[in-house]
Amino acid sequence: MKELTAKIMDGLDPRDSDSWPVWLTVPETALVMRLAVSTIRGLTQSGRLRSRRFGRQVRVSKAALLAYLDESGR
């Protein structure tokens, strides 16, 4: 898991949204928000965090993540 975390975090600064890709994976979103992957999945499944499916993968747009963070005051 540490290797995956290091690979995801390479070039991804959670404090700098300019370093985020346009579409984030669920693990990337979890690292940015410092939450568990299961929590992010729950937020996307409930519709509280807008997401889109690309085939079998769920992605969160940077705009949707920033909007959620703005609304939730994080």
Foldseek 3Di string as FASTA:
>chain_A
DVVVVVVLCVQPDLVDLVSDDQKAFLVNLCVSVVHDSVVSVVCCVVVLQPWDDDDPTIIGGSVSSVVSCVVVVD
